[in-house]
Amino acid sequence: MERINSRLYLQNCYIIQENERLRRKAQLLNQENQALLSELKKQKLANANAKPSPSLIPDLNLSSTSSLNTTNPSKP
């Protein structure tokens, strides 16, 4: 009985150590996750506040098909 008790005690100690190791790892992963989330929010905020360059936005009023139609409007 004492031998079984000793074996169970050692298993319990091992489980406690493993739990502590996993808890520390989970805390580190949580910190990393929070830092990455914060960085992502900063990037989204910066992208939302950035004004788009006028050269990147096409002017739909200056399409080539509309200019062709205006050159010869009364042709049957």
PDB file of N, CA and C in Angstrom:
ATOM      1  N   MET A   1       0.824  -1.194   0.000  1.00  0.00           N
ATOM      2  CA  MET A   1       0.000   0.000   0.000  1.00  0.00           C
ATOM      3  C   MET A   1       0.870   1.260   0.000  1.00  0.00           C
ATOM      4  N   GLU A   2       1.930   1.217   0.780  1.00  0.00           N
ATOM      5  CA  GLU A   2       2.827   2.374   0.844  1.00  0.00           C
ATOM      6  C   GLU A   2       3.534   2.596  -0.494  1.00  0.00           C
ATOM      7  N   ARG A   3       3.850   1.518  -1.186  1.00  0.00           N
ATOM      8  CA  ARG A   3       4.502   1.615  -2.488  1.00  0.00           C
ATOM      9  C   ARG A   3       3.558   2.273  -3.511  1.00  0.00           C
ATOM     10  N   ILE A   4       2.299   1.881  -3.493  1.00  0.00           N
ATOM     11  CA  ILE A   4       1.313   2.480  -4.399  1.00  0.00           C
ATOM     12  C   ILE A   4       1.143   3.961  -4.076  1.00  0.00           C
ATOM     13  N   ASN A   5       1.113   4.258  -2.797  1.00  0.00           N
ATOM     14  CA  ASN A   5       0.973   5.649  -2.369  1.00  0.00           C
ATOM     15  C   ASN A   5       2.170   6.485  -2.836  1.00  0.00           C
ATOM     16  N   SER A   6       3.368   5.938  -2.735  1.00  0.00           N
ATOM     17  CA  SER A   6       4.575   6.644  -3.182  1.00  0.00           C
ATOM     18  C   SER A   6       4.542   6.874  -4.695  1.00  0.00           C
ATOM     19  N   ARG A   7       4.104   5.861  -5.430  1.00  0.00           N
ATOM     20  CA  ARG A   7       4.022   5.987  -6.887  1.00  0.00           C
ATOM     21  C   ARG A   7       3.001   7.065  -7.273  1.00  0.00           C
ATOM     22  N   LEU A   8       1.856   7.059  -6.614  1.00  0.00           N
ATOM     23  CA  LEU A   8       0.841   8.071  -6.892  1.00  0.00           C
ATOM     24  C   LEU A   8       1.323   9.474  -6.518  1.00  0.00           C
ATOM     25  N   TYR A   9       2.076   9.570  -5.439  1.00  0.00           N
ATOM     26  CA  TYR A   9       2.629  10.850  -5.021  1.00  0.00           C
ATOM     27  C   TYR A   9       3.588  11.388  -6.089  1.00  0.00           C
ATOM     28  N   LEU A  10       4.450  10.516  -6.626  1.00  0.00           N
ATOM     29  CA  LEU A  10       5.390  10.938  -7.664  1.00  0.00           C
ATOM     30  C   LEU A  10       4.656  11.349  -8.947  1.00  0.00           C
ATOM     31  N   GLN A  11       3.619  10.604  -9.284  1.00  0.00           N
ATOM     32  CA  GLN A  11       2.822  10.976 -10.456  1.00  0.00           C
ATOM     33  C   GLN A  11       2.164  12.342 -10.250  1.00  0.00           C
ATOM     34  N   ASN A  12       1.668  12.558  -9.068  1.00  0.00           N
ATOM     35  CA  ASN A  12       1.042  13.835  -8.741  1.00  0.00           C
ATOM     36  C   ASN A  12       2.055  14.978  -8.843  1.00  0.00           C
ATOM     37  N   CYS A  13       3.258  14.758  -8.341  1.00  0.00           N
ATOM     38  CA  CYS A  13       4.308  15.779  -8.436  1.00  0.00           C
ATOM     39  C   CYS A  13       4.631  16.088  -9.897  1.00  0.00           C
ATOM     40  N   TYR A  14       4.714  15.042 -10.703  1.00  0.00           N
ATOM     41  CA  TYR A  14       4.993  15.229 -12.123  1.00  0.00           C
ATOM     42  C   TYR A  14       3.871  16.031 -12.795  1.00  0.00           C
ATOM     43  N   ILE A  15       2.637  15.703 -12.475  1.00  0.00           N
ATOM     44  CA  ILE A  15       1.488  16.409 -13.057  1.00  0.00           C
ATOM     45  C   ILE A  15       1.490  17.877 -12.641  1.00  0.00           C
ATOM     46  N   ILE A  16       1.826  18.147 -11.390  1.00  0.00           N
ATOM     47  CA  ILE A  16       1.884  19.530 -10.903  1.00  0.00           C
ATOM     48  C   ILE A  16       2.964  20.313 -11.650  1.00  0.00           C
ATOM     49  N   GLN A  17       4.140  19.701 -11.838  1.00  0.00           N
ATOM     50  CA  GLN A  17       5.218  20.362 -12.573  1.00  0.00           C
ATOM     51  C   GLN A  17       4.812  20.637 -14.022  1.00  0.00           C
ATOM     52  N   GLU A  18       4.174  19.648 -14.642  1.00  0.00           N
ATOM     53  CA  GLU A  18       3.727  19.809 -16.027  1.00  0.00           C
ATOM     54  C   GLU A  18       2.672  20.918 -16.132  1.00  0.00           C
ATOM     55  N   ASN A  19       1.773  20.971 -15.175  1.00  0.00           N
ATOM     56  CA  ASN A  19       0.761  22.034 -15.154  1.00  0.00           C
ATOM     57  C   ASN A  19       1.402  23.413 -15.031  1.00  0.00           C
ATOM     58  N   GLU A  20       2.403  23.537 -14.183  1.00  0.00           N
ATOM     59  CA  GLU A  20       3.093  24.817 -14.021  1.00  0.00           C
ATOM     60  C   GLU A  20       3.809  25.212 -15.308  1.00  0.00           C
ATOM     61  N   ARG A  21       4.440  24.230 -15.952  1.00  0.00           N
ATOM     62  CA  ARG A  21       5.134  24.499 -17.212  1.00  0.00           C
ATOM     63  C   ARG A  21       4.137  24.967 -18.279  1.00  0.00           C
ATOM     64  N   LEU A  22       3.023  24.261 -18.372  1.00  0.00           N
ATOM     65  CA  LEU A  22       2.007  24.622 -19.362  1.00  0.00           C
ATOM     66  C   LEU A  22       1.361  25.971 -19.046  1.00  0.00           C
ATOM     67  N   ARG A  23       1.192  26.272 -17.774  1.00  0.00           N
ATOM     68  CA  ARG A  23       0.622  27.566 -17.379  1.00  0.00           C
ATOM     69  C   ARG A  23       1.553  28.702 -17.790  1.00  0.00           C
ATOM     70  N   ARG A  24       2.858  28.534 -17.565  1.00  0.00           N
ATOM     71  CA  ARG A  24       3.823  29.561 -17.977  1.00  0.00           C
ATOM     72  C   ARG A  24       3.811  29.733 -19.496  1.00  0.00           C
ATOM     73  N   LYS A  25       3.757  28.610 -20.207  1.00  0.00           N
ATOM     74  CA  LYS A  25       3.722  28.674 -21.671  1.00  0.00           C
ATOM     75  C   LYS A  25       2.451  29.378 -22.147  1.00  0.00           C
ATOM     76  N   ALA A  26       1.332  29.084 -21.527  1.00  0.00           N
ATOM     77  CA  ALA A  26       0.064  29.721 -21.890  1.00  0.00           C
ATOM     78  C   ALA A  26       0.121  31.224 -21.621  1.00  0.00           C
ATOM     79  N   GLN A  27       0.751  31.621 -20.528  1.00  0.00           N
ATOM     80  CA  GLN A  27       0.879  33.047 -20.223  1.00  0.00           C
ATOM     81  C   GLN A  27       1.727  33.755 -21.275  1.00  0.00           C
ATOM     82  N   LEU A  28       2.825  33.114 -21.689  1.00  0.00           N
ATOM     83  CA  LEU A  28       3.676  33.706 -22.721  1.00  0.00           C
ATOM     84  C   LEU A  28       2.929  33.815 -24.052  1.00  0.00           C
ATOM     85  N   LEU A  29       2.196  32.775 -24.398  1.00  0.00           N
ATOM     86  CA  LEU A  29       1.421  32.806 -25.638  1.00  0.00           C
ATOM     87  C   LEU A  29       0.334  33.875 -25.585  1.00  0.00           C
ATOM     88  N   ASN A  30      -0.274  34.038 -24.428  1.00  0.00           N
ATOM     89  CA  ASN A  30      -1.293  35.070 -24.268  1.00  0.00           C
ATOM     90  C   ASN A  30      -0.683  36.464 -24.424  1.00  0.00           C
ATOM     91  N   GLN A  31       0.485  36.673 -23.836  1.00  0.00           N
ATOM     92  CA  GLN A  31       1.157  37.966 -23.974  1.00  0.00           C
ATOM     93  C   GLN A  31       1.507  38.239 -25.436  1.00  0.00           C
ATOM     94  N   GLU A  32       2.015  37.217 -26.112  1.00  0.00           N
ATOM     95  CA  GLU A  32       2.355  37.366 -27.527  1.00  0.00           C
ATOM     96  C   GLU A  32       1.099  37.666 -28.352  1.00  0.00           C
ATOM     97  N   ASN A  33       0.026  36.970 -28.046  1.00  0.00           N
ATOM     98  CA  ASN A  33      -1.234  37.185 -28.750  1.00  0.00           C
ATOM     99  C   ASN A  33      -1.738  38.610 -28.541  1.00  0.00           C
ATOM    100  N   GLN A  34      -1.663  39.104 -27.322  1.00  0.00           N
ATOM    101  CA  GLN A  34      -2.111  40.467 -27.027  1.00  0.00           C
ATOM    102  C   GLN A  34      -1.258  41.496 -27.767  1.00  0.00           C
ATOM    103  N   ALA A  35       0.053  41.253 -27.827  1.00  0.00           N
ATOM    104  CA  ALA A  35       0.936  42.177 -28.539  1.00  0.00           C
ATOM    105  C   ALA A  35       0.622  42.182 -30.034  1.00  0.00           C
ATOM    106  N   LEU A  36       0.399  41.011 -30.603  1.00  0.00           N
ATOM    107  CA  LEU A  36       0.064  40.928 -32.025  1.00  0.00           C
ATOM    108  C   LEU A  36      -1.288  41.574 -32.316  1.00  0.00           C
ATOM    109  N   LEU A  37      -2.237  41.375 -31.436  1.00  0.00           N
ATOM    110  CA  LEU A  37      -3.555  41.983 -31.605  1.00  0.00           C
ATOM    111  C   LEU A  37      -3.459  43.505 -31.537  1.00  0.00           C
ATOM    112  N   SER A  38      -2.659  44.001 -30.622  1.00  0.00           N
ATOM    113  CA  SER A  38      -2.457  45.442 -30.499  1.00  0.00           C
ATOM    114  C   SER A  38      -1.809  46.001 -31.763  1.00  0.00           C
ATOM    115  N   GLU A  39      -0.818  45.292 -32.284  1.00  0.00           N
ATOM    116  CA  GLU A  39      -0.150  45.725 -33.511  1.00  0.00           C
ATOM    117  C   GLU A  39      -1.122  45.729 -34.690  1.00  0.00           C
ATOM    118  N   LEU A  40      -1.953  44.718 -34.773  1.00  0.00           N
ATOM    119  CA  LEU A  40      -2.952  44.647 -35.846  1.00  0.00           C
ATOM    120  C   LEU A  40      -3.939  45.805 -35.755  1.00  0.00           C
ATOM    121  N   LYS A  41      -4.372  46.127 -34.538  1.00  0.00           N
ATOM    122  CA  LYS A  41      -5.297  47.251 -34.361  1.00  0.00           C
ATOM    123  C   LYS A  41      -4.638  48.567 -34.760  1.00  0.00           C
ATOM    124  N   LYS A  42      -3.350  48.722 -34.435  1.00  0.00           N
ATOM    125  CA  LYS A  42      -2.630  49.936 -34.822  1.00  0.00           C
ATOM    126  C   LYS A  42      -2.549  50.046 -36.342  1.00  0.00           C
ATOM    127  N   GLN A  43      -2.260  48.920 -37.008  1.00  0.00           N
ATOM    128  CA  GLN A  43      -2.170  48.932 -38.469  1.00  0.00           C
ATOM    129  C   GLN A  43      -3.520  49.255 -39.100  1.00  0.00           C
ATOM    130  N   LYS A  44      -4.586  48.671 -38.575  1.00  0.00           N
ATOM    131  CA  LYS A  44      -5.921  48.950 -39.111  1.00  0.00           C
ATOM    132  C   LYS A  44      -6.275  50.418 -38.919  1.00  0.00           C
ATOM    133  N   LEU A  45      -5.944  50.958 -37.758  1.00  0.00           N
ATOM    134  CA  LEU A  45      -6.230  52.359 -37.488  1.00  0.00           C
ATOM    135  C   LEU A  45      -5.420  53.261 -38.410  1.00  0.00           C
ATOM    136  N   ALA A  46      -4.160  52.916 -38.630  1.00  0.00           N
ATOM    137  CA  ALA A  46      -3.313  53.708 -39.522  1.00  0.00           C
ATOM    138  C   ALA A  46      -3.836  53.641 -40.951  1.00  0.00           C
ATOM    139  N   ASN A  47      -4.289  52.470 -41.382  1.00  0.00           N
ATOM    140  CA  ASN A  47      -4.834  52.329 -42.735  1.00  0.00           C
ATOM    141  C   ASN A  47      -6.144  53.087 -42.881  1.00  0.00           C
ATOM    142  N   ALA A  48      -6.946  53.107 -41.853  1.00  0.00           N
ATOM    143  CA  ALA A  48      -8.224  53.813 -41.910  1.00  0.00           C
ATOM    144  C   ALA A  48      -8.014  55.323 -41.936  1.00  0.00           C
ATOM    145  N   ASN A  49      -6.979  55.788 -41.266  1.00  0.00           N
ATOM    146  CA  ASN A  49      -6.715  57.227 -41.203  1.00  0.00           C
ATOM    147  C   ASN A  49      -5.908  57.730 -42.388  1.00  0.00           C
ATOM    148  N   ALA A  50      -5.277  56.830 -43.125  1.00  0.00           N
ATOM    149  CA  ALA A  50      -4.459  57.241 -44.268  1.00  0.00           C
ATOM    150  C   ALA A  50      -5.366  57.715 -45.394  1.00  0.00           C
ATOM    151  N   LYS A  51      -5.005  58.828 -45.987  1.00  0.00           N
ATOM    152  CA  LYS A  51      -5.791  59.346 -47.106  1.00  0.00           C
ATOM    153  C   LYS A  51      -5.270  58.700 -48.383  1.00  0.00           C
ATOM    154  N   PRO A  52      -6.156  58.185 -49.228  1.00  0.00           N
ATOM    155  CA  PRO A  52      -5.704  57.553 -50.462  1.00  0.00           C
ATOM    156  C   PRO A  52      -5.147  58.581 -51.441  1.00  0.00           C
ATOM    157  N   SER A  53      -4.156  58.175 -52.183  1.00  0.00           N
ATOM    158  CA  SER A  53      -3.537  59.046 -53.169  1.00  0.00           C
ATOM    159  C   SER A  53      -4.486  59.252 -54.339  1.00  0.00           C
ATOM    160  N   PRO A  54      -4.641  60.476 -54.834  1.00  0.00           N
ATOM    161  CA  PRO A  54      -5.567  60.719 -55.949  1.00  0.00           C
ATOM    162  C   PRO A  54      -5.181  59.948 -57.205  1.00  0.00           C
ATOM    163  N   SER A  55      -3.900  59.684 -57.409  1.00  0.00           N
ATOM    164  CA  SER A  55      -3.483  58.969 -58.611  1.00  0.00           C
ATOM    165  C   SER A  55      -3.890  57.497 -58.571  1.00  0.00           C
ATOM    166  N   LEU A  56      -4.187  56.970 -57.403  1.00  0.00           N
ATOM    167  CA  LEU A  56      -4.577  55.574 -57.290  1.00  0.00           C
ATOM    168  C   LEU A  56      -6.067  55.365 -57.521  1.00  0.00           C
ATOM    169  N   ILE A  57      -6.847  56.440 -57.502  1.00  0.00           N
ATOM    170  CA  ILE A  57      -8.291  56.325 -57.683  1.00  0.00           C
ATOM    171  C   ILE A  57      -8.627  56.705 -59.121  1.00  0.00           C
ATOM    172  N   PRO A  58      -9.146  55.777 -59.909  1.00  0.00           N
ATOM    173  CA  PRO A  58      -9.467  56.108 -61.304  1.00  0.00           C
ATOM    174  C   PRO A  58     -10.688  57.016 -61.378  1.00  0.00           C
ATOM    175  N   ASP A  59     -10.678  57.911 -62.339  1.00  0.00           N
ATOM    176  CA  ASP A  59     -11.815  58.796 -62.561  1.00  0.00           C
ATOM    177  C   ASP A  59     -12.757  58.111 -63.535  1.00  0.00           C
ATOM    178  N   LEU A  60     -13.887  57.650 -63.044  1.00  0.00           N
ATOM    179  CA  LEU A  60     -14.828  56.909 -63.870  1.00  0.00           C
ATOM    180  C   LEU A  60     -15.534  57.803 -64.877  1.00  0.00           C
ATOM    181  N   ASN A  61     -15.506  59.099 -64.667  1.00  0.00           N
ATOM    182  CA  ASN A  61     -16.127  60.026 -65.615  1.00  0.00           C
ATOM    183  C   ASN A  61     -15.300  60.194 -66.879  1.00  0.00           C
ATOM    184  N   LEU A  62     -14.064  59.760 -66.864  1.00  0.00           N
ATOM    185  CA  LEU A  62     -13.183  59.906 -68.019  1.00  0.00           C
ATOM    186  C   LEU A  62     -12.950  58.576 -68.719  1.00  0.00           C
ATOM    187  N   SER A  63     -13.973  57.760 -68.856  1.00  0.00           N
ATOM    188  CA  SER A  63     -13.805  56.460 -69.512  1.00  0.00           C
ATOM    189  C   SER A  63     -13.690  56.640 -71.014  1.00  0.00           C
ATOM    190  N   SER A  64     -13.040  55.713 -71.695  1.00  0.00           N
ATOM    191  CA  SER A  64     -12.807  55.822 -73.134  1.00  0.00           C
ATOM    192  C   SER A  64     -14.083  55.610 -73.933  1.00  0.00           C
ATOM    193  N   THR A  65     -15.035  54.828 -73.447  1.00  0.00           N
ATOM    194  CA  THR A  65     -16.271  54.579 -74.193  1.00  0.00           C
ATOM    195  C   THR A  65     -17.154  55.808 -74.239  1.00  0.00           C
ATOM    196  N   SER A  66     -17.188  56.585 -73.186  1.00  0.00           N
ATOM    197  CA  SER A  66     -18.026  57.784 -73.198  1.00  0.00           C
ATOM    198  C   SER A  66     -17.440  58.839 -74.119  1.00  0.00           C
ATOM    199  N   SER A  67     -16.122  58.907 -74.261  1.00  0.00           N
ATOM    200  CA  SER A  67     -15.524  59.890 -75.152  1.00  0.00           C
ATOM    201  C   SER A  67     -15.758  59.510 -76.606  1.00  0.00           C
ATOM    202  N   LEU A  68     -15.866  58.217 -76.918  1.00  0.00           N
ATOM    203  CA  LEU A  68     -16.154  57.787 -78.281  1.00  0.00           C
ATOM    204  C   LEU A  68     -17.583  58.113 -78.661  1.00  0.00           C
ATOM    205  N   ASN A  69     -18.506  57.992 -77.759  1.00  0.00           N
ATOM    206  CA  ASN A  69     -19.908  58.262 -78.041  1.00  0.00           C
ATOM    207  C   ASN A  69     -20.178  59.743 -78.247  1.00  0.00           C
ATOM    208  N   THR A  70     -19.417  60.602 -77.646  1.00  0.00           N
ATOM    209  CA  THR A  70     -19.646  62.040 -77.773  1.00  0.00           C
ATOM    210  C   THR A  70     -19.055  62.599 -79.050  1.00  0.00           C
ATOM    211  N   THR A  71     -18.149  61.906 -79.722  1.00  0.00           N
ATOM    212  CA  THR A  71     -17.544  62.432 -80.941  1.00  0.00           C
ATOM    213  C   THR A  71     -18.475  62.320 -82.134  1.00  0.00           C
ATOM    214  N   ASN A  72     -19.374  61.348 -82.130  1.00  0.00           N
ATOM    215  CA  ASN A  72     -20.265  61.145 -83.261  1.00  0.00           C
ATOM    216  C   ASN A  72     -21.665  60.806 -82.758  1.00  0.00           C
ATOM    217  N   PRO A  73     -22.367  61.737 -82.103  1.00  0.00           N
ATOM    218  CA  PRO A  73     -23.619  61.408 -81.438  1.00  0.00           C
ATOM    219  C   PRO A  73     -24.804  61.214 -82.376  1.00  0.00           C
ATOM    220  N   SER A  74     -24.834  61.815 -83.582  1.00  0.00           N
ATOM    221  CA  SER A  74     -26.030  61.750 -84.421  1.00  0.00           C
ATOM    222  C   SER A  74     -25.903  60.786 -85.591  1.00  0.00           C
ATOM    223  N   LYS A  75     -24.962  59.895 -85.557  1.00  0.00           N
ATOM    224  CA  LYS A  75     -24.783  58.937 -86.649  1.00  0.00           C
ATOM    225  C   LYS A  75     -25.842  57.851 -86.552  1.00  0.00           C
ATOM    226  N   PRO A  76     -26.624  57.583 -87.676  1.00  0.00           N
ATOM    227  CA  PRO A  76     -27.690  56.576 -87.638  1.00  0.00           C
ATOM    228  C   PRO A  76     -27.203  55.167 -87.673  1.00  0.00           C
TER     229      PRO A  76
END
